[in-house]
Amino acid sequence: AFREPFVVGSSTSWSGQYFWAQPALLALGQLVDLPWILPAVEVGIIVVFSARFAEEVTGKPRVAVVTAALVAISPLVVLTGATLNNVTLSGACSAATLWALARLNRRADRRAFITLGVATGVALNNRPFDQALLLTGAALVLIAANGRAIGPVVRRILPAVAVSLPFVALLLLTNKAVTGDFRHSGYFLFNEGQGFKTFGFGRGPFGDPHTPAIAASKTITNAVRGAFFTSGGPLLLAPLALTVVLGRATRLYAAAISVVDIYVAGYFFYAATPINTTGPIYFLALMPIGAAWLAHAALSLHESVAGTVIARRVVPAFLVAHTLASFTVFWPSESRELARAAERARGCDDVASRIEGPALVFVLGSGDAQRSWTGWPPMPSPQLDERVLFPRSEGAELDRRVAARFGAGRQVFA
């Protein structure tokens, strides 16, 4: 009745199932009553490092400018950055990591290995699976690109490992504080002490079946949605397709496809239900690659047709059509999920303001309310000590039991 999937308890304390980097940064913002300022900064980091990454791998400042623009207007980045979700920090770490690796692939650079070490260290305390997938894909690309000359690249990257070690130590200490074991994080408690229950086939952590067919379906769906979000709408994928058809694809494209494929393949085994409802946010870490790839394709195509009637008339018309489609169709469709959640929260706040004294207010779910966070009532503290509690109605019989257990000294509203 009290939806609380993100909070877990050990024998001695309550904690979050997620890692501590994003909550710690939000706490800094809370000190000045501006917790949203940190996600805004993280979005800025994604934009800046995506552009720097694009210029590093292409050598073209114009590609960097277009990449920055794509990232800055992407619904995936803007709407997710308007929440407190930890994937925004994941995207910032990803963008910084990709730039640093691209830089170190070319030459030794102190700023790059420090950036790589800090980004990796923070990511390990935030969404380690994202960072592990990204580093795996990038490592394979570096090995393929450098062949027998990979040794110097490895030596340029090694100092980043030393920079990340204090963050690794912090991860072990927080694990100990949360679960009593250096090896286990809050995920271990969330998965009922069964390790990586979130991954693999069978029954996921929410009890839903996860089969190879289901995994393939939702992984392909979310990869496509993530690709659309990269550009603000599906139309801007056309330059990429045309560039490939015209034979102007480069090794850059092969590298991008390799990293994206490895990252997406990792989520093939992700058994948690929410990837069906909020799936594209899990691919925010790929934004720098997708945006740089599209920017390079668009500019390459423009160079192919420069000086022709297509460049003078059709290309501007295409961009106008894409902008209109994004703002009239694609953006509103994706903003509705946030709007639904905000409406539910405002409704509960309004009810609480009109009730005097402690109360228990049952909230009706709708449709797939248990699957999508947009249908949840406000989550209470683990101690259930708010003046007004909002349990989710689960039917008359269960509601009576909840009221008997938690309604003492409270008004009950059904």
Protein backbone atom coordinates (compact mmCIF):
# COMPACT_ATOMS: atom_id res chain seq x y z
CA ALA A 1 0.00 0.00 0.00
CA PHE A 2 2.94 2.33 0.63
CA ARG A 3 4.95 2.31 -2.57
CA GLU A 4 8.59 2.50 -1.47
CA PRO A 5 10.71 0.62 -4.03
CA PHE A 6 13.82 2.76 -3.69
CA VAL A 7 14.32 2.44 0.06
CA VAL A 8 15.83 -0.69 1.58
CA GLY A 9 16.56 -1.71 5.15
CA SER A 10 19.26 -3.73 6.81
CA SER A 11 19.11 -5.03 10.36
CA THR A 12 20.29 -1.66 11.69
CA SER A 13 19.38 1.13 9.25
CA TRP A 14 17.37 2.41 6.31
CA SER A 15 19.05 3.43 3.08
CA GLY A 16 18.47 3.94 -0.61
CA GLN A 17 18.95 1.09 -3.06
CA TYR A 18 20.88 3.47 -5.32
CA PHE A 19 24.45 4.62 -4.89
CA TRP A 20 25.33 7.84 -3.11
CA ALA A 21 26.93 10.24 -5.61
CA GLN A 22 23.76 11.92 -6.88
CA PRO A 23 22.07 12.12 -3.43
CA ALA A 24 25.26 13.66 -2.02
CA LEU A 25 25.33 16.32 -4.74
CA LEU A 26 21.62 17.03 -4.26
CA ALA A 27 22.29 17.43 -0.54
CA LEU A 28 24.81 20.17 -1.36
CA GLY A 29 22.13 21.98 -3.32
CA GLN A 30 19.66 21.45 -0.50
CA LEU A 31 21.97 23.39 1.82
CA VAL A 32 21.01 26.53 -0.12
CA ASP A 33 17.48 25.26 -0.82
CA LEU A 34 18.27 24.73 -4.50
CA PRO A 35 18.59 20.95 -5.03
CA TRP A 36 17.68 21.37 -8.73
CA ILE A 37 20.80 23.44 -9.35
CA LEU A 38 22.99 20.31 -9.47
CA PRO A 39 21.06 18.59 -12.28
CA ALA A 40 21.26 21.88 -14.20
CA VAL A 41 25.04 21.89 -13.78
CA GLU A 42 25.18 18.24 -14.86
CA VAL A 43 23.26 19.08 -18.04
CA GLY A 44 25.80 21.83 -18.73
CA ILE A 45 28.61 19.32 -18.33
CA ILE A 46 26.92 16.97 -20.81
CA VAL A 47 26.63 19.75 -23.39
CA VAL A 48 30.21 21.00 -22.98
CA PHE A 49 31.96 17.63 -22.98
CA SER A 50 29.78 16.27 -25.79
CA ALA A 51 30.98 19.15 -27.95
CA ARG A 52 34.60 18.67 -26.90
CA PHE A 53 34.35 14.95 -27.59
CA ALA A 54 32.92 15.60 -31.06
CA GLU A 55 35.74 17.99 -31.94
CA GLU A 56 38.36 15.62 -30.56
CA VAL A 57 37.26 12.67 -32.67
CA THR A 58 36.46 14.59 -35.88
CA GLY A 59 38.85 17.54 -35.73
CA LYS A 60 36.02 19.80 -36.93
CA PRO A 61 34.87 22.73 -34.73
CA ARG A 62 31.64 22.97 -36.75
CA VAL A 63 30.74 19.41 -35.74
CA ALA A 64 31.29 20.40 -32.10
CA VAL A 65 28.90 23.36 -32.44
CA VAL A 66 26.15 21.25 -34.01
CA THR A 67 26.70 18.51 -31.40
CA ALA A 68 26.29 21.03 -28.57
CA ALA A 69 23.08 22.30 -30.16
CA LEU A 70 21.66 18.78 -30.55
CA VAL A 71 22.38 17.91 -26.94
CA ALA A 72 21.07 21.23 -25.61
CA ILE A 73 17.64 20.87 -27.29
CA SER A 74 17.23 17.11 -26.87
CA PRO A 75 14.04 16.22 -24.95
CA LEU A 76 15.94 13.32 -23.36
CA VAL A 77 18.49 15.67 -21.84
CA VAL A 78 16.21 18.62 -21.05
CA LEU A 79 13.32 16.70 -19.51
CA THR A 80 15.49 14.27 -17.55
CA GLY A 81 17.65 17.19 -16.42
CA ALA A 82 14.50 18.78 -15.00
CA THR A 83 14.21 15.87 -12.55
CA LEU A 84 16.54 14.70 -9.78
CA ASN A 85 17.22 11.36 -11.50
CA ASN A 86 20.74 9.99 -11.19
CA VAL A 87 20.99 9.28 -14.93
CA THR A 88 21.75 12.98 -15.48
CA LEU A 89 24.95 12.56 -13.48
CA SER A 90 25.56 9.35 -15.42
CA GLY A 91 25.34 11.33 -18.66
CA ALA A 92 27.78 13.94 -17.34
CA CYS A 93 30.28 11.26 -16.34
CA SER A 94 29.86 9.58 -19.72
CA ALA A 95 30.50 12.75 -21.70
CA ALA A 96 33.60 13.58 -19.65
CA THR A 97 34.86 9.98 -19.97
CA LEU A 98 34.43 9.89 -23.74
CA TRP A 99 36.27 13.19 -24.23
CA ALA A 100 39.12 12.10 -21.97
CA LEU A 101 39.53 8.73 -23.72
CA ALA A 102 39.49 10.36 -27.15
CA ARG A 103 42.11 12.85 -25.98
CA LEU A 104 44.34 10.22 -24.38
CA ASN A 105 44.12 8.10 -27.50
CA ARG A 106 46.03 10.85 -29.31
CA ARG A 107 48.49 12.09 -26.69
CA ALA A 108 49.28 12.28 -22.97
CA ASP A 109 47.28 15.00 -21.24
CA ARG A 110 47.13 15.68 -17.51
CA ARG A 111 43.68 17.28 -17.65
CA ALA A 112 42.35 14.29 -19.59
CA PHE A 113 43.54 11.57 -17.22
CA ILE A 114 42.36 13.56 -14.19
CA THR A 115 38.97 14.02 -15.85
CA LEU A 116 38.81 10.32 -16.71
CA GLY A 117 39.72 9.28 -13.18
CA VAL A 118 37.23 11.61 -11.49
CA ALA A 119 34.41 10.80 -13.95
CA THR A 120 34.94 7.06 -13.52
CA GLY A 121 35.21 7.34 -9.75
CA VAL A 122 32.01 9.37 -9.47
CA ALA A 123 30.22 7.04 -11.89
CA LEU A 124 31.15 3.99 -9.79
CA ASN A 125 29.35 5.69 -6.90
CA ASN A 126 26.34 6.53 -9.05
CA ARG A 127 25.50 4.08 -11.88
CA PRO A 128 28.45 1.68 -12.12
CA PHE A 129 26.75 -0.53 -14.71
CA ASP A 130 26.54 2.39 -17.15
CA GLN A 131 30.21 3.23 -16.72
CA ALA A 132 31.30 -0.39 -17.00
CA LEU A 133 29.43 -0.82 -20.30
CA LEU A 134 30.78 2.44 -21.68
CA LEU A 135 34.38 1.64 -20.74
CA THR A 136 34.07 -1.88 -22.17
CA GLY A 137 32.88 -0.58 -25.52
CA ALA A 138 35.45 2.21 -25.62
CA ALA A 139 38.28 -0.17 -24.66
CA LEU A 140 37.43 -2.55 -27.50
CA VAL A 141 37.33 0.35 -29.95
CA LEU A 142 40.74 1.59 -28.76
CA ILE A 143 42.23 -1.89 -29.07
CA ALA A 144 40.85 -2.31 -32.59
CA ALA A 145 42.03 1.15 -33.65
CA ASN A 146 45.56 0.88 -32.25
CA GLY A 147 46.30 -2.81 -32.76
CA ARG A 148 49.82 -3.62 -31.63
CA ALA A 149 50.40 0.00 -30.61
CA ILE A 150 47.89 -0.17 -27.76
CA GLY A 151 50.67 -0.11 -25.12
CA PRO A 152 51.31 3.65 -25.23
CA VAL A 153 47.58 4.34 -24.99
CA VAL A 154 47.30 2.11 -21.92
CA ARG A 155 50.22 3.91 -20.28
CA ARG A 156 48.53 7.26 -20.89
CA ILE A 157 45.31 5.97 -19.30
CA LEU A 158 46.83 4.25 -16.25
CA PRO A 159 47.23 7.45 -14.16
CA ALA A 160 43.43 7.79 -14.29
CA VAL A 161 43.18 4.53 -12.35
CA ALA A 162 45.17 6.08 -9.50
CA VAL A 163 42.90 9.14 -9.53
CA SER A 164 39.81 6.92 -9.24
CA LEU A 165 41.10 4.84 -6.29
CA PRO A 166 39.85 7.21 -3.51
CA PHE A 167 36.36 6.99 -5.05
CA VAL A 168 36.60 3.19 -5.05
CA ALA A 169 37.50 3.30 -1.36
CA LEU A 170 34.50 5.56 -0.73
CA LEU A 171 32.27 3.04 -2.52
CA LEU A 172 33.49 0.21 -0.29
CA LEU A 173 32.96 2.29 2.85
CA THR A 174 29.42 3.28 1.89
CA ASN A 175 28.65 -0.36 1.10
CA LYS A 176 29.81 -1.26 4.60
CA ALA A 177 27.65 1.47 6.13
CA VAL A 178 24.53 0.47 4.17
CA THR A 179 24.65 -3.33 4.17
CA GLY A 180 27.34 -4.24 6.70
CA ASP A 181 29.49 -5.74 3.95
CA PHE A 182 32.15 -4.01 1.84
CA ARG A 183 31.07 -6.03 -1.23
CA HIS A 184 27.34 -5.36 -1.19
CA SER A 185 25.48 -2.15 -2.03
CA GLY A 186 21.83 -1.23 -1.51
CA TYR A 187 21.06 -3.16 -4.70
CA PHE A 188 21.97 -6.33 -2.86
CA LEU A 189 19.27 -5.65 -0.26
CA PHE A 190 16.80 -4.58 -2.95
CA ASN A 191 17.40 -7.88 -4.74
CA GLU A 192 16.64 -9.76 -1.52
CA GLY A 193 20.22 -10.82 -0.97
CA GLN A 194 20.38 -12.62 -4.31
CA GLY A 195 23.13 -10.54 -5.85
CA PHE A 196 22.35 -9.32 -9.37
CA LYS A 197 18.72 -10.43 -9.44
CA THR A 198 18.07 -7.38 -11.65
CA PHE A 199 20.03 -9.10 -14.44
CA GLY A 200 19.32 -12.35 -16.24
CA PHE A 201 16.21 -14.28 -17.18
CA GLY A 202 13.40 -15.74 -15.13
CA ARG A 203 11.68 -13.52 -12.57
CA GLY A 204 12.89 -9.95 -12.22
CA PRO A 205 13.02 -8.01 -8.91
CA PHE A 206 9.36 -6.98 -9.30
CA GLY A 207 8.24 -10.55 -9.94
CA ASP A 208 7.65 -10.07 -13.67
CA PRO A 209 8.90 -12.64 -16.19
CA HIS A 210 12.00 -11.74 -18.18
CA THR A 211 12.70 -13.88 -21.23
CA PRO A 212 15.06 -13.47 -24.20
CA ALA A 213 12.07 -12.48 -26.38
CA ILE A 214 10.95 -9.81 -23.90
CA ALA A 215 14.53 -8.62 -23.53
CA ALA A 216 14.98 -8.30 -27.30
CA SER A 217 11.71 -6.46 -27.74
CA LYS A 218 12.20 -3.83 -25.06
CA THR A 219 15.91 -3.38 -25.82
CA ILE A 220 15.27 -2.67 -29.51
CA THR A 221 12.34 -0.40 -28.64
CA ASN A 222 14.33 1.64 -26.18
CA ALA A 223 17.38 1.84 -28.45
CA VAL A 224 15.16 3.34 -31.17
CA ARG A 225 13.51 5.73 -28.72
CA GLY A 226 16.91 6.74 -27.39
CA ALA A 227 18.12 7.43 -30.94
CA PHE A 228 15.10 9.63 -31.60
CA PHE A 229 15.64 11.54 -28.37
CA THR A 230 19.22 12.25 -29.38
CA SER A 231 18.03 14.54 -32.14
CA GLY A 232 14.76 15.84 -30.69
CA GLY A 233 12.77 13.86 -33.24
CA PRO A 234 13.05 11.06 -35.78
CA LEU A 235 13.47 13.27 -38.87
CA LEU A 236 17.03 14.28 -38.09
CA LEU A 237 18.09 10.65 -38.42
CA ALA A 238 17.70 11.10 -42.20
CA PRO A 239 21.14 12.73 -42.70
CA LEU A 240 22.74 9.72 -41.07
CA ALA A 241 20.93 7.29 -43.36
CA LEU A 242 21.67 9.37 -46.48
CA THR A 243 25.32 9.71 -45.57
CA VAL A 244 25.67 5.95 -45.29
CA VAL A 245 23.81 5.45 -48.60
CA LEU A 246 26.06 7.99 -50.33
CA GLY A 247 29.13 6.12 -49.13
CA ARG A 248 30.51 8.86 -46.90
CA ALA A 249 30.47 6.75 -43.74
CA THR A 250 33.77 6.70 -41.88
CA ARG A 251 35.60 4.68 -39.24
CA LEU A 252 33.99 7.08 -36.78
CA TYR A 253 30.63 5.48 -37.55
CA ALA A 254 31.97 1.97 -37.03
CA ALA A 255 33.43 2.99 -33.66
CA ALA A 256 30.18 4.65 -32.60
CA ILE A 257 28.12 1.62 -33.60
CA SER A 258 30.45 -0.68 -31.65
CA VAL A 259 30.18 1.29 -28.40
CA VAL A 260 26.41 1.71 -28.74
CA ASP A 261 25.90 -1.99 -29.50
CA ILE A 262 27.91 -3.11 -26.46
CA TYR A 263 26.08 -0.67 -24.19
CA VAL A 264 22.62 -1.66 -25.44
CA ALA A 265 23.50 -5.36 -25.31
CA GLY A 266 24.21 -4.99 -21.60
CA TYR A 267 20.65 -3.81 -21.01
CA PHE A 268 19.39 -6.84 -22.89
CA PHE A 269 19.81 -8.67 -19.58
CA TYR A 270 18.24 -5.92 -17.44
CA ALA A 271 15.23 -7.58 -15.86
CA ALA A 272 13.60 -4.67 -14.00
CA THR A 273 10.17 -3.61 -15.25
CA PRO A 274 10.74 0.19 -15.21
CA ILE A 275 12.86 0.00 -18.35
CA ASN A 276 9.52 -0.46 -20.16
CA THR A 277 8.14 2.85 -18.88
CA THR A 278 11.18 5.08 -18.46
CA GLY A 279 13.60 3.12 -20.63
CA PRO A 280 15.21 5.88 -22.71
CA ILE A 281 16.67 7.58 -19.65
CA TYR A 282 18.94 4.57 -19.27
CA PHE A 283 20.59 5.52 -22.56
CA LEU A 284 21.46 9.11 -21.60
CA ALA A 285 25.08 8.01 -21.30
CA LEU A 286 25.10 7.49 -25.09
CA MET A 287 24.05 11.07 -25.86
CA PRO A 288 27.57 12.37 -26.72
CA ILE A 289 28.08 9.54 -29.22
CA GLY A 290 24.66 9.87 -30.83
CA ALA A 291 24.81 13.66 -31.12
CA ALA A 292 28.38 13.72 -32.48
CA TRP A 293 27.53 10.98 -34.95
CA LEU A 294 24.46 12.82 -36.27
CA ALA A 295 26.26 16.17 -36.37
CA HIS A 296 29.11 14.71 -38.39
CA ALA A 297 26.68 12.99 -40.77
CA ALA A 298 24.61 16.15 -41.27
CA LEU A 299 27.64 18.33 -42.04
CA SER A 300 29.14 15.70 -44.33
CA LEU A 301 25.87 15.56 -46.24
CA HIS A 302 25.75 19.35 -46.44
CA GLU A 303 29.27 19.42 -47.91
CA SER A 304 28.15 16.90 -50.54
CA VAL A 305 25.29 19.07 -51.76
CA ALA A 306 26.71 22.56 -51.06
CA GLY A 307 26.07 25.02 -53.85
CA THR A 308 23.13 23.09 -55.30
CA VAL A 309 19.43 23.83 -55.16
CA ILE A 310 19.08 21.13 -52.49
CA ALA A 311 21.40 23.01 -50.15
CA ARG A 312 19.70 26.34 -50.80
CA ARG A 313 16.08 25.24 -50.50
CA VAL A 314 15.47 21.66 -49.45
CA VAL A 315 17.87 21.57 -46.47
CA PRO A 316 16.43 24.72 -44.80
CA ALA A 317 12.91 23.43 -45.44
CA PHE A 318 13.86 20.08 -43.89
CA LEU A 319 15.25 21.78 -40.77
CA VAL A 320 12.10 23.89 -40.39
CA ALA A 321 9.91 20.78 -40.76
CA HIS A 322 12.00 18.91 -38.19
CA THR A 323 11.79 21.77 -35.69
CA LEU A 324 8.02 22.03 -36.08
CA ALA A 325 7.60 18.27 -35.72
CA SER A 326 9.73 18.20 -32.59
CA PHE A 327 7.93 21.03 -30.83
CA THR A 328 4.39 20.08 -31.87
CA VAL A 329 4.54 16.28 -31.72
CA PHE A 330 7.61 14.77 -30.12
CA TRP A 331 8.34 17.10 -27.21
CA PRO A 332 4.72 17.23 -25.93
CA SER A 333 4.36 13.44 -26.08
CA GLU A 334 7.42 12.98 -23.88
CA SER A 335 6.58 15.78 -21.46
CA ARG A 336 3.20 14.23 -20.63
CA GLU A 337 4.79 11.64 -18.34
CA LEU A 338 6.32 14.38 -16.20
CA ALA A 339 3.04 16.30 -16.30
CA ARG A 340 1.06 13.28 -15.08
CA ALA A 341 3.39 12.77 -12.15
CA ALA A 342 3.26 16.48 -11.25
CA GLU A 343 -0.55 16.46 -11.43
CA ARG A 344 -0.75 13.50 -9.05
CA ALA A 345 1.65 15.19 -6.63
CA ARG A 346 -0.24 18.50 -6.74
CA GLY A 347 -3.54 16.73 -6.13
CA CYS A 348 -2.19 15.01 -3.03
CA ASP A 349 -0.67 18.27 -1.75
CA ASP A 350 -4.05 19.99 -2.19
CA VAL A 351 -5.83 17.25 -0.25
CA ALA A 352 -3.26 17.42 2.56
CA SER A 353 -3.66 21.19 2.86
CA ARG A 354 -7.43 20.84 3.41
CA ILE A 355 -7.17 18.20 6.14
CA GLU A 356 -6.64 19.18 9.75
CA GLY A 357 -4.70 16.78 11.91
CA PRO A 358 -3.18 13.37 11.09
CA ALA A 359 -4.88 11.44 8.31
CA LEU A 360 -4.70 8.34 6.13
CA VAL A 361 -5.86 9.03 2.54
CA PHE A 362 -6.21 6.09 0.13
CA VAL A 363 -5.26 6.95 -3.45
CA LEU A 364 -6.79 5.10 -6.38
CA GLY A 365 -4.38 3.77 -8.99
CA SER A 366 -5.07 3.84 -12.72
CA GLY A 367 -4.14 1.38 -15.45
CA ASP A 368 -0.50 0.41 -15.04
CA ALA A 369 0.01 2.57 -11.97
CA GLN A 370 2.11 -0.10 -10.30
CA ARG A 371 4.46 -0.22 -13.30
CA SER A 372 4.90 3.49 -14.00
CA TRP A 373 6.07 5.99 -11.40
CA THR A 374 3.58 8.52 -12.84
CA GLY A 375 0.74 6.68 -11.10
CA TRP A 376 2.28 6.52 -7.65
CA PRO A 377 1.11 8.68 -4.75
CA PRO A 378 3.83 10.57 -2.84
CA MET A 379 6.31 8.16 -1.28
CA PRO A 380 6.41 8.45 2.53
CA SER A 381 9.45 8.35 4.74
CA PRO A 382 10.42 4.84 5.87
CA GLN A 383 9.12 5.64 9.35
CA LEU A 384 5.65 6.55 7.96
CA ASP A 385 5.61 9.57 10.26
CA GLU A 386 4.12 12.25 7.95
CA ARG A 387 1.01 14.08 9.12
CA VAL A 388 -0.91 12.83 6.08
CA LEU A 389 -0.08 9.42 4.61
CA PHE A 390 -1.16 8.38 1.10
CA PRO A 391 -1.39 4.57 0.83
CA ARG A 392 -2.34 3.19 -2.59
CA SER A 393 -5.75 1.50 -2.60
CA GLU A 394 -5.42 -2.24 -3.20
CA GLY A 395 -9.07 -3.24 -2.76
CA ALA A 396 -11.56 -3.06 0.08
CA GLU A 397 -10.20 -5.98 2.13
CA LEU A 398 -6.56 -4.90 2.05
CA ASP A 399 -7.52 -1.27 2.60
CA ARG A 400 -9.33 -2.25 5.83
CA ARG A 401 -6.22 -4.08 7.03
CA VAL A 402 -3.99 -1.10 6.20
CA ALA A 403 -6.38 1.26 8.00
CA ALA A 404 -6.42 -1.00 11.06
CA ARG A 405 -2.63 -1.16 11.18
CA PHE A 406 -1.66 2.41 10.29
CA GLY A 407 -4.79 4.46 10.98
CA ALA A 408 -4.59 4.67 14.79
CA GLY A 409 -5.08 8.31 15.80
CA ARG A 410 -5.65 9.32 12.17
CA GLN A 411 -8.69 10.29 10.15
CA VAL A 412 -9.21 7.73 7.36
CA PHE A 413 -10.37 8.81 3.89
CA ALA A 414 -11.10 6.23 1.20
